[in-house]
């Protein structure tokens, strides 16, 4: 499987993970900053949370790791939580903004 196909599969699975407080998936919310597929098929993800005090700060990154690690062709997954740049509503996709009534 090419890295492009693998990245698409990873993004598809990320789109099944929802922030429990907002009815939009974490990808469309703009919480995923980078998906990096390494030569050994391990995956590093940079993601943020809507706030440092997010009630799912422990469980959400673990869910992202577990679901990516289960994608066919992925050896392992590691999520690195970053708060720089800080997340804000401008990072949401048009679809997410529409869903939440910002457009």
PDB file of N, CA and C in Angstrom:
ATOM      1  N   UNK A   1       0.854  -1.182   0.000  1.00  0.00           N
ATOM      2  CA  UNK A   1       0.000   0.000   0.000  1.00  0.00           C
ATOM      3  C   UNK A   1       0.897   1.241   0.000  1.00  0.00           C
ATOM      4  N   UNK A   2       0.572   2.200  -0.844  1.00  0.00           N
ATOM      5  CA  UNK A   2       1.368   3.427  -0.890  1.00  0.00           C
ATOM      6  C   UNK A   2       1.125   4.264   0.366  1.00  0.00           C
ATOM      7  N   UNK A   3       2.057   5.164   0.650  1.00  0.00           N
ATOM      8  CA  UNK A   3       1.886   6.035   1.806  1.00  0.00           C
ATOM      9  C   UNK A   3       0.665   6.934   1.655  1.00  0.00           C
ATOM     10  N   UNK A   4       0.351   7.335   0.404  1.00  0.00           N
ATOM     11  CA  UNK A   4      -0.839   8.169   0.182  1.00  0.00           C
ATOM     12  C   UNK A   4      -2.093   7.383   0.541  1.00  0.00           C
ATOM     13  N   UNK A   5      -2.177   6.134   0.089  1.00  0.00           N
ATOM     14  CA  UNK A   5      -3.336   5.295   0.404  1.00  0.00           C
ATOM     15  C   UNK A   5      -3.402   5.029   1.903  1.00  0.00           C
ATOM     16  N   UNK A   6      -2.239   4.777   2.511  1.00  0.00           N
ATOM     17  CA  UNK A   6      -2.203   4.519   3.949  1.00  0.00           C
ATOM     18  C   UNK A   6      -2.637   5.767   4.716  1.00  0.00           C
ATOM     19  N   UNK A   7      -2.141   6.939   4.291  1.00  0.00           N
ATOM     20  CA  UNK A   7      -2.537   8.182   4.960  1.00  0.00           C
ATOM     21  C   UNK A   7      -4.045   8.409   4.831  1.00  0.00           C
ATOM     22  N   UNK A   8      -4.602   8.111   3.659  1.00  0.00           N
ATOM     23  CA  UNK A   8      -6.053   8.252   3.476  1.00  0.00           C
ATOM     24  C   UNK A   8      -6.817   7.307   4.402  1.00  0.00           C
ATOM     25  N   UNK A   9      -6.323   6.080   4.563  1.00  0.00           N
ATOM     26  CA  UNK A   9      -6.963   5.129   5.475  1.00  0.00           C
ATOM     27  C   UNK A   9      -6.893   5.624   6.915  1.00  0.00           C
ATOM     28  N   UNK A  10      -5.748   6.204   7.278  1.00  0.00           N
ATOM     29  CA  UNK A  10      -5.571   6.739   8.628  1.00  0.00           C
ATOM     30  C   UNK A  10      -6.529   7.907   8.861  1.00  0.00           C
ATOM     31  N   UNK A  11      -6.616   8.807   7.898  1.00  0.00           N
ATOM     32  CA  UNK A  11      -7.527   9.956   8.031  1.00  0.00           C
ATOM     33  C   UNK A  11      -8.972   9.480   8.122  1.00  0.00           C
ATOM     34  N   UNK A  12      -9.320   8.463   7.326  1.00  0.00           N
ATOM     35  CA  UNK A  12     -10.689   7.919   7.393  1.00  0.00           C
ATOM     36  C   UNK A  12     -11.011   7.415   8.797  1.00  0.00           C
ATOM     37  N   UNK A  13     -10.053   6.736   9.442  1.00  0.00           N
ATOM     38  CA  UNK A  13     -10.316   6.212  10.786  1.00  0.00           C
ATOM     39  C   UNK A  13     -10.337   7.354  11.811  1.00  0.00           C
ATOM     40  N   UNK A  14      -9.500   8.372  11.613  1.00  0.00           N
ATOM     41  CA  UNK A  14      -9.521   9.524  12.523  1.00  0.00           C
ATOM     42  C   UNK A  14     -10.890  10.212  12.468  1.00  0.00           C
ATOM     43  N   UNK A  15     -11.503  10.210  11.298  1.00  0.00           N
ATOM     44  CA  UNK A  15     -12.812  10.852  11.128  1.00  0.00           C
ATOM     45  C   UNK A  15     -13.937  10.094  11.835  1.00  0.00           C
ATOM     46  N   UNK A  16     -13.625   8.942  12.437  1.00  0.00           N
ATOM     47  CA  UNK A  16     -14.640   8.213  13.210  1.00  0.00           C
ATOM     48  C   UNK A  16     -14.548   8.553  14.693  1.00  0.00           C
ATOM     49  N   UNK A  17     -13.597   9.418  15.063  1.00  0.00           N
ATOM     50  CA  UNK A  17     -13.359   9.763  16.466  1.00  0.00           C
ATOM     51  C   UNK A  17     -13.909  11.156  16.731  1.00  0.00           C
ATOM     52  N   UNK A  18     -14.812  11.234  17.699  1.00  0.00           N
ATOM     53  CA  UNK A  18     -15.497  12.498  17.969  1.00  0.00           C
ATOM     54  C   UNK A  18     -15.107  13.075  19.316  1.00  0.00           C
ATOM     55  N   UNK A  19     -15.000  14.394  19.362  1.00  0.00           N
ATOM     56  CA  UNK A  19     -14.862  15.085  20.641  1.00  0.00           C
ATOM     57  C   UNK A  19     -16.209  14.914  21.327  1.00  0.00           C
ATOM     58  N   UNK A  20     -16.239  14.409  22.564  1.00  0.00           N
ATOM     59  CA  UNK A  20     -17.527  14.118  23.205  1.00  0.00           C
ATOM     60  C   UNK A  20     -18.389  15.360  23.477  1.00  0.00           C
ATOM     61  N   UNK A  21     -17.784  16.537  23.482  1.00  0.00           N
ATOM     62  CA  UNK A  21     -18.552  17.745  23.768  1.00  0.00           C
ATOM     63  C   UNK A  21     -19.058  18.437  22.513  1.00  0.00           C
ATOM     64  N   UNK A  22     -18.517  18.052  21.352  1.00  0.00           N
ATOM     65  CA  UNK A  22     -18.859  18.714  20.084  1.00  0.00           C
ATOM     66  C   UNK A  22     -19.197  17.618  19.075  1.00  0.00           C
ATOM     67  N   UNK A  23     -20.322  17.725  18.391  1.00  0.00           N
ATOM     68  CA  UNK A  23     -20.736  16.635  17.479  1.00  0.00           C
ATOM     69  C   UNK A  23     -20.002  16.649  16.133  1.00  0.00           C
ATOM     70  N   UNK A  24     -18.692  16.811  16.180  1.00  0.00           N
ATOM     71  CA  UNK A  24     -17.866  16.853  14.973  1.00  0.00           C
ATOM     72  C   UNK A  24     -16.623  16.013  15.244  1.00  0.00           C
ATOM     73  N   UNK A  25     -16.132  15.301  14.206  1.00  0.00           N
ATOM     74  CA  UNK A  25     -14.953  14.458  14.422  1.00  0.00           C
ATOM     75  C   UNK A  25     -13.689  15.309  14.609  1.00  0.00           C
ATOM     76  N   UNK A  26     -12.686  14.708  15.235  1.00  0.00           N
ATOM     77  CA  UNK A  26     -11.474  15.449  15.606  1.00  0.00           C
ATOM     78  C   UNK A  26     -10.689  15.949  14.396  1.00  0.00           C
ATOM     79  N   UNK A  27     -10.831  15.270  13.243  1.00  0.00           N
ATOM     80  CA  UNK A  27     -10.136  15.721  12.032  1.00  0.00           C
ATOM     81  C   UNK A  27     -10.777  17.006  11.503  1.00  0.00           C
ATOM     82  N   UNK A  28     -12.100  16.996  11.365  1.00  0.00           N
ATOM     83  CA  UNK A  28     -12.802  18.177  10.854  1.00  0.00           C
ATOM     84  C   UNK A  28     -12.714  19.350  11.831  1.00  0.00           C
ATOM     85  N   UNK A  29     -12.562  19.045  13.129  1.00  0.00           N
ATOM     86  CA  UNK A  29     -12.383  20.112  14.121  1.00  0.00           C
ATOM     87  C   UNK A  29     -11.024  20.790  13.979  1.00  0.00           C
ATOM     88  N   UNK A  30     -10.103  20.155  13.273  1.00  0.00           N
ATOM     89  CA  UNK A  30      -8.774  20.734  13.118  1.00  0.00           C
ATOM     90  C   UNK A  30      -7.838  20.386  14.265  1.00  0.00           C
ATOM     91  N   UNK A  31      -8.158  19.324  15.003  1.00  0.00           N
ATOM     92  CA  UNK A  31      -7.314  18.938  16.142  1.00  0.00           C
ATOM     93  C   UNK A  31      -6.080  18.133  15.726  1.00  0.00           C
ATOM     94  N   UNK A  32      -6.094  17.612  14.498  1.00  0.00           N
ATOM     95  CA  UNK A  32      -4.959  16.836  14.000  1.00  0.00           C
ATOM     96  C   UNK A  32      -4.067  17.777  13.190  1.00  0.00           C
ATOM     97  N   UNK A  33      -2.868  18.010  13.686  1.00  0.00           N
ATOM     98  CA  UNK A  33      -1.940  18.925  13.003  1.00  0.00           C
ATOM     99  C   UNK A  33      -1.085  18.211  11.966  1.00  0.00           C
ATOM    100  N   UNK A  34      -0.682  16.966  12.260  1.00  0.00           N
ATOM    101  CA  UNK A  34       0.196  16.265  11.334  1.00  0.00           C
ATOM    102  C   UNK A  34       0.036  14.764  11.503  1.00  0.00           C
ATOM    103  N   UNK A  35       0.046  14.052  10.373  1.00  0.00           N
ATOM    104  CA  UNK A  35       0.107  12.592  10.355  1.00  0.00           C
ATOM    105  C   UNK A  35       1.377  12.253   9.578  1.00  0.00           C
ATOM    106  N   UNK A  36       2.334  11.631  10.256  1.00  0.00           N
ATOM    107  CA  UNK A  36       3.619  11.316   9.625  1.00  0.00           C
ATOM    108  C   UNK A  36       3.801   9.803   9.620  1.00  0.00           C
ATOM    109  N   UNK A  37       3.942   9.251   8.419  1.00  0.00           N
ATOM    110  CA  UNK A  37       4.179   7.816   8.268  1.00  0.00           C
ATOM    111  C   UNK A  37       5.685   7.621   8.103  1.00  0.00           C
ATOM    112  N   UNK A  38       6.287   6.898   9.028  1.00  0.00           N
ATOM    113  CA  UNK A  38       7.721   6.658   9.001  1.00  0.00           C
ATOM    114  C   UNK A  38       8.055   5.462   8.109  1.00  0.00           C
ATOM    115  N   UNK A  39       9.321   5.331   7.767  1.00  0.00           N
ATOM    116  CA  UNK A  39       9.780   4.255   6.884  1.00  0.00           C
ATOM    117  C   UNK A  39       9.442   2.864   7.382  1.00  0.00           C
ATOM    118  N   UNK A  40       9.350   2.706   8.711  1.00  0.00           N
ATOM    119  CA  UNK A  40       9.034   1.382   9.262  1.00  0.00           C
ATOM    120  C   UNK A  40       7.530   1.172   9.451  1.00  0.00           C
ATOM    121  N   UNK A  41       6.716   2.056   8.849  1.00  0.00           N
ATOM    122  CA  UNK A  41       5.251   1.992   8.904  1.00  0.00           C
ATOM    123  C   UNK A  41       4.691   2.339  10.282  1.00  0.00           C
ATOM    124  N   UNK A  42       5.539   2.917  11.155  1.00  0.00           N
ATOM    125  CA  UNK A  42       4.991   3.474  12.388  1.00  0.00           C
ATOM    126  C   UNK A  42       4.446   4.859  12.038  1.00  0.00           C
ATOM    127  N   UNK A  43       3.487   5.316  12.814  1.00  0.00           N
ATOM    128  CA  UNK A  43       2.825   6.588  12.516  1.00  0.00           C
ATOM    129  C   UNK A  43       2.948   7.509  13.723  1.00  0.00           C
ATOM    130  N   UNK A  44       3.388   8.733  13.460  1.00  0.00           N
ATOM    131  CA  UNK A  44       3.442   9.766  14.488  1.00  0.00           C
ATOM    132  C   UNK A  44       2.388  10.809  14.157  1.00  0.00           C
ATOM    133  N   UNK A  45       1.607  11.165  15.169  1.00  0.00           N
ATOM    134  CA  UNK A  45       0.532  12.141  14.975  1.00  0.00           C
ATOM    135  C   UNK A  45       0.732  13.294  15.948  1.00  0.00           C
ATOM    136  N   UNK A  46       0.671  14.508  15.403  1.00  0.00           N
ATOM    137  CA  UNK A  46       0.647  15.681  16.274  1.00  0.00           C
ATOM    138  C   UNK A  46      -0.800  16.131  16.324  1.00  0.00           C
ATOM    139  N   UNK A  47      -1.323  16.213  17.541  1.00  0.00           N
ATOM    140  CA  UNK A  47      -2.689  16.681  17.690  1.00  0.00           C
ATOM    141  C   UNK A  47      -2.774  17.601  18.887  1.00  0.00           C
ATOM    142  N   UNK A  48      -3.849  18.358  18.931  1.00  0.00           N
ATOM    143  CA  UNK A  48      -4.099  19.232  20.053  1.00  0.00           C
ATOM    144  C   UNK A  48      -5.466  18.906  20.616  1.00  0.00           C
ATOM    145  N   UNK A  49      -5.843  19.591  21.650  1.00  0.00           N
ATOM    146  CA  UNK A  49      -7.170  19.458  22.246  1.00  0.00           C
ATOM    147  C   UNK A  49      -7.809  20.839  22.224  1.00  0.00           C
ATOM    148  N   UNK A  50      -9.125  20.877  22.338  1.00  0.00           N
ATOM    149  CA  UNK A  50      -9.791  22.183  22.297  1.00  0.00           C
ATOM    150  C   UNK A  50      -9.354  23.067  23.448  1.00  0.00           C
ATOM    151  N   UNK A  51      -8.917  22.456  24.556  1.00  0.00           N
ATOM    152  CA  UNK A  51      -8.334  23.218  25.662  1.00  0.00           C
ATOM    153  C   UNK A  51      -7.448  22.284  26.479  1.00  0.00           C
ATOM    154  N   UNK A  52      -6.448  22.853  27.180  1.00  0.00           N
ATOM    155  CA  UNK A  52      -5.587  21.998  28.008  1.00  0.00           C
ATOM    156  C   UNK A  52      -6.357  21.279  29.113  1.00  0.00           C
ATOM    157  N   UNK A  53      -7.505  21.814  29.492  1.00  0.00           N
ATOM    158  CA  UNK A  53      -8.327  21.205  30.548  1.00  0.00           C
ATOM    159  C   UNK A  53      -9.396  20.278  29.993  1.00  0.00           C
ATOM    160  N   UNK A  54      -9.261  19.905  28.735  1.00  0.00           N
ATOM    161  CA  UNK A  54     -10.240  19.045  28.079  1.00  0.00           C
ATOM    162  C   UNK A  54     -10.487  17.794  28.928  1.00  0.00           C
ATOM    163  N   UNK A  55     -11.768  17.470  29.205  1.00  0.00           N
ATOM    164  CA  UNK A  55     -12.068  16.320  30.063  1.00  0.00           C
ATOM    165  C   UNK A  55     -11.615  14.981  29.475  1.00  0.00           C
ATOM    166  N   UNK A  56     -11.352  14.932  28.185  1.00  0.00           N
ATOM    167  CA  UNK A  56     -10.905  13.677  27.569  1.00  0.00           C
ATOM    168  C   UNK A  56      -9.417  13.724  27.204  1.00  0.00           C
ATOM    169  N   UNK A  57      -8.660  14.567  27.898  1.00  0.00           N
ATOM    170  CA  UNK A  57      -7.228  14.726  27.604  1.00  0.00           C
ATOM    171  C   UNK A  57      -6.470  13.410  27.690  1.00  0.00           C
ATOM    172  N   UNK A  58      -6.931  12.494  28.522  1.00  0.00           N
ATOM    173  CA  UNK A  58      -6.276  11.192  28.641  1.00  0.00           C
ATOM    174  C   UNK A  58      -6.814  10.198  27.607  1.00  0.00           C
ATOM    175  N   UNK A  59      -8.129  10.123  27.477  1.00  0.00           N
ATOM    176  CA  UNK A  59      -8.726   9.057  26.663  1.00  0.00           C
ATOM    177  C   UNK A  59      -8.728   9.340  25.158  1.00  0.00           C
ATOM    178  N   UNK A  60      -8.887  10.597  24.753  1.00  0.00           N
ATOM    179  CA  UNK A  60      -8.986  10.900  23.321  1.00  0.00           C
ATOM    180  C   UNK A  60      -7.696  10.575  22.559  1.00  0.00           C
ATOM    181  N   UNK A  61      -6.517  11.011  23.029  1.00  0.00           N
ATOM    182  CA  UNK A  61      -5.290  10.646  22.305  1.00  0.00           C
ATOM    183  C   UNK A  61      -5.078   9.131  22.257  1.00  0.00           C
ATOM    184  N   UNK A  62      -5.441   8.431  23.321  1.00  0.00           N
ATOM    185  CA  UNK A  62      -5.311   6.966  23.359  1.00  0.00           C
ATOM    186  C   UNK A  62      -6.233   6.333  22.320  1.00  0.00           C
ATOM    187  N   UNK A  63      -7.442   6.871  22.185  1.00  0.00           N
ATOM    188  CA  UNK A  63      -8.371   6.350  21.174  1.00  0.00           C
ATOM    189  C   UNK A  63      -7.806   6.573  19.773  1.00  0.00           C
ATOM    190  N   UNK A  64      -7.211   7.741  19.523  1.00  0.00           N
ATOM    191  CA  UNK A  64      -6.598   8.025  18.220  1.00  0.00           C
ATOM    192  C   UNK A  64      -5.463   7.033  17.961  1.00  0.00           C
ATOM    193  N   UNK A  65      -4.593   6.834  18.942  1.00  0.00           N
ATOM    194  CA  UNK A  65      -3.490   5.874  18.792  1.00  0.00           C
ATOM    195  C   UNK A  65      -4.006   4.473  18.497  1.00  0.00           C
ATOM    196  N   UNK A  66      -4.964   4.007  19.292  1.00  0.00           N
ATOM    197  CA  UNK A  66      -5.473   2.644  19.142  1.00  0.00           C
ATOM    198  C   UNK A  66      -6.111   2.424  17.779  1.00  0.00           C
ATOM    199  N   UNK A  67      -6.914   3.394  17.331  1.00  0.00           N
ATOM    200  CA  UNK A  67      -7.608   3.214  16.047  1.00  0.00           C
ATOM    201  C   UNK A  67      -6.636   3.283  14.875  1.00  0.00           C
ATOM    202  N   UNK A  68      -5.619   4.164  14.955  1.00  0.00           N
ATOM    203  CA  UNK A  68      -4.630   4.228  13.874  1.00  0.00           C
ATOM    204  C   UNK A  68      -3.791   2.948  13.860  1.00  0.00           C
ATOM    205  N   UNK A  69      -3.402   2.467  15.044  1.00  0.00           N
ATOM    206  CA  UNK A  69      -2.584   1.252  15.129  1.00  0.00           C
ATOM    207  C   UNK A  69      -3.318   0.047  14.543  1.00  0.00           C
ATOM    208  N   UNK A  70      -4.646   0.075  14.549  1.00  0.00           N
ATOM    209  CA  UNK A  70      -5.440  -1.035  14.022  1.00  0.00           C
ATOM    210  C   UNK A  70      -5.615  -0.977  12.503  1.00  0.00           C
ATOM    211  N   UNK A  71      -5.194   0.131  11.866  1.00  0.00           N
ATOM    212  CA  UNK A  71      -5.306   0.258  10.409  1.00  0.00           C
ATOM    213  C   UNK A  71      -4.345  -0.732   9.757  1.00  0.00           C
ATOM    214  N   UNK A  72      -4.838  -1.453   8.749  1.00  0.00           N
ATOM    215  CA  UNK A  72      -4.018  -2.420   8.030  1.00  0.00           C
ATOM    216  C   UNK A  72      -2.822  -1.704   7.403  1.00  0.00           C
ATOM    217  N   UNK A  73      -1.621  -2.197   7.683  1.00  0.00           N
ATOM    218  CA  UNK A  73      -0.414  -1.590   7.131  1.00  0.00           C
ATOM    219  C   UNK A  73       0.324  -0.703   8.118  1.00  0.00           C
ATOM    220  N   UNK A  74      -0.292  -0.398   9.261  1.00  0.00           N
ATOM    221  CA  UNK A  74       0.351   0.427  10.285  1.00  0.00           C
ATOM    222  C   UNK A  74       0.986  -0.484  11.332  1.00  0.00           C
ATOM    223  N   UNK A  75       2.268  -0.252  11.612  1.00  0.00           N
ATOM    224  CA  UNK A  75       2.970  -1.054  12.613  1.00  0.00           C
ATOM    225  C   UNK A  75       2.631  -0.593  14.026  1.00  0.00           C
ATOM    226  N   UNK A  76       2.651   0.724  14.240  1.00  0.00           N
ATOM    227  CA  UNK A  76       2.344   1.287  15.552  1.00  0.00           C
ATOM    228  C   UNK A  76       1.972   2.755  15.370  1.00  0.00           C
ATOM    229  N   UNK A  77       1.385   3.333  16.413  1.00  0.00           N
ATOM    230  CA  UNK A  77       0.993   4.742  16.345  1.00  0.00           C
ATOM    231  C   UNK A  77       1.322   5.424  17.654  1.00  0.00           C
ATOM    232  N   UNK A  78       1.778   6.654  17.535  1.00  0.00           N
ATOM    233  CA  UNK A  78       2.107   7.455  18.710  1.00  0.00           C
ATOM    234  C   UNK A  78       1.525   8.846  18.518  1.00  0.00           C
ATOM    235  N   UNK A  79       0.754   9.298  19.505  1.00  0.00           N
ATOM    236  CA  UNK A  79       0.172  10.642  19.457  1.00  0.00           C
ATOM    237  C   UNK A  79       0.968  11.551  20.376  1.00  0.00           C
ATOM    238  N   UNK A  80       1.356  12.689  19.841  1.00  0.00           N
ATOM    239  CA  UNK A  80       2.043  13.710  20.618  1.00  0.00           C
ATOM    240  C   UNK A  80       1.080  14.889  20.750  1.00  0.00           C
ATOM    241  N   UNK A  81       0.712  15.224  21.988  1.00  0.00           N
ATOM    242  CA  UNK A  81      -0.202  16.349  22.216  1.00  0.00           C
ATOM    243  C   UNK A  81       0.605  17.643  22.281  1.00  0.00           C
ATOM    244  N   UNK A  82       0.188  18.606  21.486  1.00  0.00           N
ATOM    245  CA  UNK A  82       0.841  19.920  21.471  1.00  0.00           C
ATOM    246  C   UNK A  82      -0.211  21.006  21.662  1.00  0.00           C
ATOM    247  N   UNK A  83       0.202  22.119  22.227  1.00  0.00           N
ATOM    248  CA  UNK A  83      -0.707  23.260  22.379  1.00  0.00           C
ATOM    249  C   UNK A  83      -0.150  24.502  21.685  1.00  0.00           C
ATOM    250  N   UNK A  84       0.790  24.282  20.766  1.00  0.00           N
ATOM    251  CA  UNK A  84       1.355  25.375  20.001  1.00  0.00           C
ATOM    252  C   UNK A  84       1.365  24.959  18.546  1.00  0.00           C
ATOM    253  N   UNK A  85       0.582  25.553  17.673  1.00  0.00           N
ATOM    254  CA  UNK A  85      -0.306  26.679  17.990  1.00  0.00           C
ATOM    255  C   UNK A  85      -1.547  26.222  18.755  1.00  0.00           C
ATOM    256  N   UNK A  86      -2.076  27.120  19.552  1.00  0.00           N
ATOM    257  CA  UNK A  86      -3.294  26.822  20.303  1.00  0.00           C
ATOM    258  C   UNK A  86      -4.455  26.679  19.327  1.00  0.00           C
ATOM    259  N   UNK A  87      -5.339  25.725  19.617  1.00  0.00           N
ATOM    260  CA  UNK A  87      -6.492  25.503  18.754  1.00  0.00           C
ATOM    261  C   UNK A  87      -7.488  26.649  18.897  1.00  0.00           C
ATOM    262  N   UNK A  88      -8.092  27.041  17.786  1.00  0.00           N
ATOM    263  CA  UNK A  88      -9.236  27.952  17.839  1.00  0.00           C
ATOM    264  C   UNK A  88     -10.182  27.607  16.703  1.00  0.00           C
ATOM    265  N   UNK A  89     -11.318  28.252  16.680  1.00  0.00           N
ATOM    266  CA  UNK A  89     -12.382  27.876  15.735  1.00  0.00           C
ATOM    267  C   UNK A  89     -11.982  28.037  14.272  1.00  0.00           C
ATOM    268  N   UNK A  90     -10.982  28.867  13.970  1.00  0.00           N
ATOM    269  CA  UNK A  90     -10.575  29.059  12.575  1.00  0.00           C
ATOM    270  C   UNK A  90      -9.937  27.797  12.000  1.00  0.00           C
ATOM    271  N   UNK A  91      -9.536  26.857  12.858  1.00  0.00           N
ATOM    272  CA  UNK A  91      -8.896  25.626  12.390  1.00  0.00           C
ATOM    273  C   UNK A  91      -9.904  24.569  11.948  1.00  0.00           C
ATOM    274  N   UNK A  92     -11.169  24.813  12.207  1.00  0.00           N
ATOM    275  CA  UNK A  92     -12.200  23.848  11.810  1.00  0.00           C
ATOM    276  C   UNK A  92     -12.402  23.890  10.302  1.00  0.00           C
ATOM    277  N   UNK A  93     -12.778  22.751   9.737  1.00  0.00           N
ATOM    278  CA  UNK A  93     -13.114  22.709   8.317  1.00  0.00           C
ATOM    279  C   UNK A  93     -14.417  23.468   8.088  1.00  0.00           C
ATOM    280  N   UNK A  94     -14.671  23.808   6.837  1.00  0.00           N
ATOM    281  CA  UNK A  94     -15.940  24.471   6.486  1.00  0.00           C
ATOM    282  C   UNK A  94     -17.117  23.590   6.925  1.00  0.00           C
ATOM    283  N   UNK A  95     -16.955  22.264   6.731  1.00  0.00           N
ATOM    284  CA  UNK A  95     -18.005  21.302   7.102  1.00  0.00           C
ATOM    285  C   UNK A  95     -18.316  21.393   8.600  1.00  0.00           C
ATOM    286  N   UNK A  96     -17.257  21.460   9.418  1.00  0.00           N
ATOM    287  CA  UNK A  96     -17.450  21.547  10.872  1.00  0.00           C
ATOM    288  C   UNK A  96     -18.113  22.868  11.252  1.00  0.00           C
ATOM    289  N   UNK A  97     -17.668  23.958  10.628  1.00  0.00           N
ATOM    290  CA  UNK A  97     -18.253  25.281  10.921  1.00  0.00           C
ATOM    291  C   UNK A  97     -19.738  25.295  10.569  1.00  0.00           C
ATOM    292  N   UNK A  98     -20.071  24.675   9.446  1.00  0.00           N
ATOM    293  CA  UNK A  98     -21.459  24.602   9.012  1.00  0.00           C
ATOM    294  C   UNK A  98     -22.274  23.767   9.986  1.00  0.00           C
ATOM    295  N   UNK A  99     -21.738  22.619  10.382  1.00  0.00           N
ATOM    296  CA  UNK A  99     -22.397  21.714  11.318  1.00  0.00           C
ATOM    297  C   UNK A  99     -22.702  22.393  12.642  1.00  0.00           C
ATOM    298  N   UNK A 100     -21.770  23.251  13.087  1.00  0.00           N
ATOM    299  CA  UNK A 100     -21.916  23.906  14.384  1.00  0.00           C
ATOM    300  C   UNK A 100     -22.573  25.276  14.294  1.00  0.00           C
ATOM    301  N   UNK A 101     -22.982  25.672  13.085  1.00  0.00           N
ATOM    302  CA  UNK A 101     -23.709  26.929  12.928  1.00  0.00           C
ATOM    303  C   UNK A 101     -22.846  28.174  12.909  1.00  0.00           C
ATOM    304  N   UNK A 102     -21.546  28.009  12.578  1.00  0.00           N
ATOM    305  CA  UNK A 102     -20.653  29.165  12.504  1.00  0.00           C
ATOM    306  C   UNK A 102     -20.664  29.818  11.139  1.00  0.00           C
ATOM    307  N   UNK A 103     -21.341  29.213  10.161  1.00  0.00           N
ATOM    308  CA  UNK A 103     -21.409  29.791   8.818  1.00  0.00           C
ATOM    309  C   UNK A 103     -22.828  30.183   8.488  1.00  0.00           C
TER     310      UNK A 103
END
